[in-house]
Amino acid sequence: MALSEQFLNDDIHPIDIVEHIASHNEWDFDRIADDQIAMAVEGQWRTYSITLAWSHYDETLRLICTFEFEPPEDRMPTLYEGLNSVNDQCWAGAFSFWPSEQLMVYKYGLVLAGGQIASPEQIDTLISAAVLSAERYYPAFQLMSWTDRSAEESLQVAIAEAYGRA
């Protein structure tokens, strides 16, 4: 059964769908408010903190995926150069570094203007894309921060996207 078959009512709140997906995947989550949920998703490299929030004002489902990251100050120029290169490769979402919180952040907003409804498959893909992007670039961010490699050299370790089928 497809995820969307469980949500036949068009008035379903997008955060309700996220909560169902989190329960289904047995992720730890906390419904912070009616319009916001936070969860922990285990990846290969680390556990990612993911928050999704619904904004009625601009009809956008916002996702923020974070992980702690404490690069040395002298490597910040290389990290910022690398972030620019990474974001050139990301078609959906973007990374940034929040130095005051020591967090690497992946952000994406799904605009649902005009009363559009997000499907469970869209939301599941949104969460999966965030985790996959963080997993893909985590090793490169580590190399940029903790070795003397350039951003370009560090990005060579980013797990390449697969094209086609095996």
Protein backbone atom coordinates (compact mmCIF):
# COMPACT_ATOMS: atom_id res chain seq x y z
CA MET A 1 0.00 0.00 0.00
CA ALA A 2 1.33 3.44 -0.94
CA LEU A 3 1.84 5.99 1.82
CA SER A 4 -0.81 8.27 0.31
CA GLU A 5 -3.55 5.63 0.49
CA GLN A 6 -3.69 6.16 4.25
CA PHE A 7 -4.46 9.87 3.79
CA LEU A 8 -7.55 10.13 1.62
CA ASN A 9 -8.81 13.27 3.38
CA ASP A 10 -7.50 16.38 1.57
CA ASP A 11 -7.58 18.39 4.83
CA ILE A 12 -4.76 16.41 6.43
CA HIS A 13 -2.12 18.63 7.99
CA PRO A 14 1.41 18.14 6.55
CA ILE A 15 2.90 17.77 10.04
CA ASP A 16 0.41 14.96 10.75
CA ILE A 17 1.82 13.19 7.71
CA VAL A 18 5.38 13.74 8.96
CA GLU A 19 4.41 12.34 12.36
CA HIS A 20 2.97 9.23 10.69
CA ILE A 21 6.16 8.76 8.63
CA ALA A 22 8.33 9.16 11.75
CA SER A 23 6.21 6.61 13.63
CA HIS A 24 6.30 4.21 10.69
CA ASN A 25 10.12 4.43 10.55
CA GLU A 26 10.41 4.21 14.35
CA TRP A 27 12.32 7.50 14.54
CA ASP A 28 12.43 9.40 17.81
CA PHE A 29 10.29 12.49 17.38
CA ASP A 30 8.64 15.30 19.30
CA ARG A 31 5.60 17.20 18.09
CA ILE A 32 6.79 20.61 19.28
CA ALA A 33 3.62 22.42 18.18
CA ASP A 34 0.70 21.87 15.85
CA ASP A 35 2.83 23.19 12.99
CA GLN A 36 6.24 21.78 13.94
CA ILE A 37 7.89 18.43 14.55
CA ALA A 38 11.47 17.49 15.39
CA MET A 39 13.00 14.05 14.94
CA ALA A 40 16.28 12.16 15.02
CA VAL A 41 17.20 10.10 11.97
CA GLU A 42 20.12 7.70 12.14
CA GLY A 43 22.49 7.85 9.18
CA GLN A 44 25.68 5.98 8.35
CA TRP A 45 27.93 8.80 9.56
CA ARG A 46 25.85 10.20 12.43
CA THR A 47 22.37 10.94 13.75
CA TYR A 48 20.73 13.92 12.06
CA SER A 49 18.30 16.28 13.77
CA ILE A 50 15.46 17.08 11.40
CA THR A 51 12.80 19.69 12.01
CA LEU A 52 9.84 20.28 9.74
CA ALA A 53 7.58 23.28 10.19
CA TRP A 54 4.45 24.35 8.33
CA SER A 55 4.02 28.06 7.64
CA HIS A 56 0.42 29.05 6.90
CA TYR A 57 1.62 32.54 5.99
CA ASP A 58 3.56 31.54 2.88
CA GLU A 59 2.19 27.99 2.52
CA THR A 60 5.62 26.38 2.83
CA LEU A 61 6.72 23.18 4.50
CA ARG A 62 10.22 23.97 5.77
CA LEU A 63 12.80 21.31 6.52
CA ILE A 64 16.00 21.86 8.46
CA CYS A 65 18.44 18.99 8.88
CA THR A 66 21.36 19.66 11.22
CA PHE A 67 24.37 17.97 12.71
CA GLU A 68 27.02 19.24 15.09
CA PHE A 69 30.15 20.39 13.35
CA GLU A 70 33.09 22.14 14.97
CA PRO A 71 35.72 23.01 12.36
CA PRO A 72 38.91 24.79 13.40
CA GLU A 73 38.84 28.53 12.74
CA ASP A 74 41.82 28.37 10.36
CA ARG A 75 39.91 25.96 8.04
CA MET A 76 36.79 28.12 7.75
CA PRO A 77 37.76 29.69 4.38
CA THR A 78 38.17 26.20 2.88
CA LEU A 79 34.87 25.06 4.39
CA TYR A 80 33.00 28.07 3.01
CA GLU A 81 34.55 27.54 -0.42
CA GLY A 82 33.48 23.91 -0.23
CA LEU A 83 29.94 24.85 0.81
CA ASN A 84 29.63 27.00 -2.31
CA SER A 85 30.76 24.09 -4.48
CA VAL A 86 28.42 21.65 -2.71
CA ASN A 87 25.46 23.99 -3.16
CA ASP A 88 26.24 24.22 -6.88
CA GLN A 89 25.72 20.45 -6.98
CA CYS A 90 22.51 20.38 -4.90
CA TRP A 91 19.42 20.89 -7.02
CA ALA A 92 17.04 20.74 -4.09
CA GLY A 93 18.03 22.30 -0.80
CA ALA A 94 21.24 23.98 0.31
CA PHE A 95 23.85 23.70 3.03
CA SER A 96 25.06 26.44 5.33
CA PHE A 97 27.18 26.56 8.45
CA TRP A 98 25.90 28.28 11.59
CA PRO A 99 29.12 29.12 13.47
CA SER A 100 27.49 30.40 16.67
CA GLU A 101 25.65 27.07 17.11
CA GLN A 102 28.45 24.95 15.59
CA LEU A 103 25.92 23.30 13.26
CA MET A 104 26.03 22.22 9.65
CA VAL A 105 22.57 22.84 8.22
CA TYR A 106 20.71 21.53 5.18
CA LYS A 107 17.58 23.57 4.39
CA TYR A 108 14.71 23.09 1.97
CA GLY A 109 11.28 24.63 1.59
CA LEU A 110 8.43 22.88 -0.21
CA VAL A 111 6.13 25.65 -1.45
CA LEU A 112 2.49 24.58 -1.56
CA ALA A 113 0.90 27.88 -2.58
CA GLY A 114 -2.69 28.02 -3.73
CA GLY A 115 -3.92 25.41 -1.28
CA GLN A 116 -1.81 22.56 -2.67
CA ILE A 117 -1.45 19.47 -0.52
CA ALA A 118 1.85 17.67 0.03
CA SER A 119 1.58 13.95 -0.52
CA PRO A 120 3.15 11.52 1.94
CA GLU A 121 5.49 10.40 -0.86
CA GLN A 122 6.66 14.00 -1.37
CA ILE A 123 7.31 14.46 2.34
CA ASP A 124 9.08 11.11 2.62
CA THR A 125 11.25 12.05 -0.36
CA LEU A 126 11.96 15.45 1.20
CA ILE A 127 13.25 13.80 4.40
CA SER A 128 15.19 11.14 2.47
CA ALA A 129 16.83 13.75 0.24
CA ALA A 130 18.00 15.71 3.29
CA VAL A 131 19.58 12.67 4.91
CA LEU A 132 21.11 11.44 1.65
CA SER A 133 22.63 14.87 0.96
CA ALA A 134 24.07 15.08 4.47
CA GLU A 135 25.46 11.56 4.15
CA ARG A 136 26.93 12.28 0.74
CA TYR A 137 28.83 15.41 1.75
CA TYR A 138 29.72 14.65 5.38
CA PRO A 139 33.08 13.01 4.50
CA ALA A 140 34.01 15.96 2.29
CA PHE A 141 33.15 18.46 5.02
CA GLN A 142 35.35 16.48 7.41
CA LEU A 143 38.29 16.53 5.00
CA MET A 144 37.85 20.26 4.38
CA SER A 145 37.93 20.90 8.11
CA TRP A 146 40.50 18.46 9.48
CA THR A 147 43.10 18.00 6.74
CA ASP A 148 45.18 20.31 4.58
CA ARG A 149 43.24 19.32 1.46
CA SER A 150 41.57 21.96 -0.68
CA ALA A 151 37.80 22.12 -1.00
CA GLU A 152 38.07 20.74 -4.53
CA GLU A 153 40.21 17.79 -3.41
CA SER A 154 37.90 17.10 -0.47
CA LEU A 155 34.84 17.00 -2.69
CA GLN A 156 36.33 14.13 -4.65
CA VAL A 157 35.31 11.80 -1.81
CA ALA A 158 31.64 12.81 -1.97
CA ILE A 159 29.69 9.71 -2.78
CA ALA A 160 28.79 10.00 -6.45
CA GLU A 161 25.17 9.97 -7.48
CA ALA A 162 24.13 6.78 -9.19
CA TYR A 163 22.57 7.04 -12.60
CA GLY A 164 20.52 4.28 -14.18
CA ARG A 165 19.86 0.90 -12.60
CA ALA A 166 21.95 -2.09 -11.73
